[in-house]
Amino acid sequence: MNAENEIVKILTVGCCSNVCAEHRSHIVVSGSYGGRYNAFNAAKWSVRAVIMNDAGIGKDKAGIVGLDFLDQISLAAATADAWTCHIGDGDHMLAHGITSYVNRTAAALGCTPGQSVRNCAERMLTATVPTVVPPPITEAMREAR
């Protein structure tokens, strides 16, 4: 079965580093915080869309900065409010999470802050899989002394 005829699924993972080839063209609900590194890890596998955890948002909006990063390649993305679901648990996010932020690409699909993660993921089923690679990131490697 080719990707055009494949049934699009909503899949869960504990973190974006667990996203792999089997997630290609599907919606991923990940327990990872919504930073650039985790956004990159999802995008490099050509997922259709991703929902991550806002992890309380944090300093300099670290928990949601990946949303704008993914808009650069038109990949629909949202975050779940950490106060509504467990961080690091995609299953719990899908069952109990409420969205806190969505990027422009997800908003165009009808995703909005305040809706259930499940409803947001269902709206993402019609998203187009990006055909461009995500931009490189640099914050994943640092030298500590």
Protein backbone atom coordinates (compact mmCIF):
# COMPACT_ATOMS: atom_id res chain seq x y z
CA MET A 1 0.00 0.00 0.00
CA ASN A 2 1.47 3.35 -0.97
CA ALA A 3 1.35 6.45 1.24
CA GLU A 4 -1.44 8.03 -0.83
CA ASN A 5 -3.80 5.13 -0.07
CA GLU A 6 -2.70 4.53 3.51
CA ILE A 7 -5.17 5.22 6.29
CA VAL A 8 -3.86 8.11 8.37
CA LYS A 9 -3.52 7.20 12.04
CA ILE A 10 -3.13 9.11 15.27
CA LEU A 11 -0.11 7.56 17.02
CA THR A 12 1.35 8.28 20.45
CA VAL A 13 4.92 8.28 21.71
CA GLY A 14 6.51 9.15 25.03
CA CYS A 15 8.96 11.52 23.37
CA CYS A 16 9.88 12.80 19.92
CA SER A 17 13.16 10.88 19.94
CA ASN A 18 10.97 7.75 19.57
CA VAL A 19 9.47 8.97 16.29
CA CYS A 20 10.69 6.76 13.44
CA ALA A 21 9.80 5.54 9.94
CA GLU A 22 6.57 3.88 11.11
CA HIS A 23 5.22 7.34 12.04
CA ARG A 24 5.76 8.77 8.54
CA SER A 25 2.58 10.44 7.16
CA HIS A 26 0.68 10.00 10.43
CA ILE A 27 -0.31 12.31 13.29
CA VAL A 28 2.01 12.01 16.31
CA VAL A 29 1.01 12.92 19.86
CA SER A 30 4.26 13.14 21.80
CA GLY A 31 4.89 13.69 25.50
CA SER A 32 7.97 15.78 24.66
CA TYR A 33 8.08 19.49 25.38
CA GLY A 34 7.45 21.62 22.29
CA GLY A 35 10.96 22.95 21.76
CA ARG A 36 12.92 23.13 18.50
CA TYR A 37 14.90 19.95 19.16
CA ASN A 38 11.79 17.83 19.63
CA ALA A 39 10.03 19.55 16.74
CA PHE A 40 13.02 18.73 14.54
CA ASN A 41 12.99 15.08 15.68
CA ALA A 42 9.36 14.72 14.62
CA ALA A 43 9.74 16.66 11.36
CA LYS A 44 12.76 14.72 10.11
CA TRP A 45 10.50 11.64 9.83
CA SER A 46 7.94 13.43 7.61
CA VAL A 47 5.06 13.17 10.03
CA ARG A 48 1.77 14.73 8.91
CA ALA A 49 1.40 16.71 12.15
CA VAL A 50 2.59 16.67 15.75
CA ILE A 51 1.17 17.60 19.14
CA MET A 52 3.69 18.06 21.95
CA ASN A 53 3.45 19.21 25.57
CA ASP A 54 3.94 22.87 26.49
CA ALA A 55 5.70 21.76 29.72
CA GLY A 56 4.48 24.91 31.44
CA ILE A 57 5.88 27.04 28.59
CA GLY A 58 9.04 28.04 30.50
CA LYS A 59 11.65 30.73 30.04
CA ASP A 60 11.73 32.36 26.62
CA LYS A 61 8.73 30.20 25.64
CA ALA A 62 11.00 27.14 25.46
CA GLY A 63 8.03 24.76 25.70
CA ILE A 64 6.30 26.12 22.59
CA VAL A 65 9.06 27.58 20.39
CA GLY A 66 8.95 24.49 18.15
CA LEU A 67 5.55 25.55 16.81
CA ASP A 68 7.01 28.49 14.88
CA PHE A 69 9.94 26.29 13.81
CA LEU A 70 7.49 23.81 12.24
CA ASP A 71 5.52 26.59 10.53
CA GLN A 72 8.67 27.19 8.45
CA ILE A 73 7.97 23.90 6.65
CA SER A 74 4.14 24.08 6.92
CA LEU A 75 3.95 21.20 9.39
CA ALA A 76 0.81 21.45 11.55
CA ALA A 77 1.70 21.47 15.24
CA ALA A 78 0.14 22.17 18.61
CA THR A 79 0.96 21.87 22.29
CA ALA A 80 -1.06 20.48 25.16
CA ASP A 81 -1.39 22.38 28.42
CA ALA A 82 0.89 20.61 30.92
CA TRP A 83 -1.68 21.21 33.66
CA THR A 84 -4.22 19.02 31.82
CA CYS A 85 -2.11 15.94 31.09
CA HIS A 86 1.12 14.14 31.91
CA ILE A 87 4.40 15.30 30.38
CA GLY A 88 6.23 12.42 28.70
CA ASP A 89 3.04 10.38 28.13
CA GLY A 90 1.47 10.66 24.67
CA ASP A 91 -1.37 8.29 25.60
CA HIS A 92 -2.39 10.44 28.57
CA MET A 93 -2.11 13.60 26.47
CA LEU A 94 -4.44 12.14 23.83
CA ALA A 95 -6.97 11.00 26.44
CA HIS A 96 -6.95 14.03 28.75
CA GLY A 97 -5.00 16.93 27.23
CA ILE A 98 -6.35 20.32 26.25
CA THR A 99 -4.47 22.32 23.62
CA SER A 100 -2.71 25.48 24.75
CA TYR A 101 -1.13 26.73 21.52
CA VAL A 102 -1.35 25.93 17.80
CA ASN A 103 0.81 27.11 14.93
CA ARG A 104 -0.56 28.87 11.83
CA THR A 105 -0.54 25.66 9.82
CA ALA A 106 -2.66 23.87 12.43
CA ALA A 107 -4.99 26.85 12.83
CA ALA A 108 -5.74 26.67 9.10
CA LEU A 109 -7.05 23.13 9.74
CA GLY A 110 -9.40 24.34 12.49
CA CYS A 111 -7.17 23.61 15.48
CA THR A 112 -7.60 26.09 18.33
CA PRO A 113 -6.33 26.56 21.88
CA GLY A 114 -8.80 25.10 24.36
CA GLN A 115 -9.93 22.09 22.35
CA SER A 116 -9.15 18.54 23.36
CA VAL A 117 -5.90 17.07 22.08
CA ARG A 118 -7.96 14.29 20.45
CA ASN A 119 -10.15 16.81 18.59
CA CYS A 120 -7.08 18.75 17.47
CA ALA A 121 -5.40 15.53 16.25
CA GLU A 122 -8.55 14.56 14.34
CA ARG A 123 -8.58 17.93 12.58
CA MET A 124 -4.94 17.34 11.62
CA LEU A 125 -5.85 14.16 9.72
CA THR A 126 -6.40 16.30 6.61
CA ALA A 127 -3.01 18.04 6.85
CA THR A 128 -0.56 17.79 4.00
CA VAL A 129 2.75 16.07 4.75
CA PRO A 130 5.54 18.62 4.24
CA THR A 131 7.82 17.91 1.30
CA VAL A 132 10.77 19.97 2.54
CA VAL A 133 13.27 19.02 5.19
CA PRO A 134 13.26 20.92 8.47
CA PRO A 135 15.92 23.59 8.91
CA PRO A 136 19.00 22.54 10.87
CA ILE A 137 19.12 23.16 14.59
CA THR A 138 22.16 23.96 16.68
CA GLU A 139 21.02 23.89 20.29
CA ALA A 140 21.26 20.10 20.61
CA MET A 141 25.05 20.05 21.01
CA ARG A 142 26.96 22.17 23.47
CA GLU A 143 30.27 21.94 25.25
CA ALA A 144 30.03 22.02 29.03
CA ARG A 145 33.08 22.58 31.18
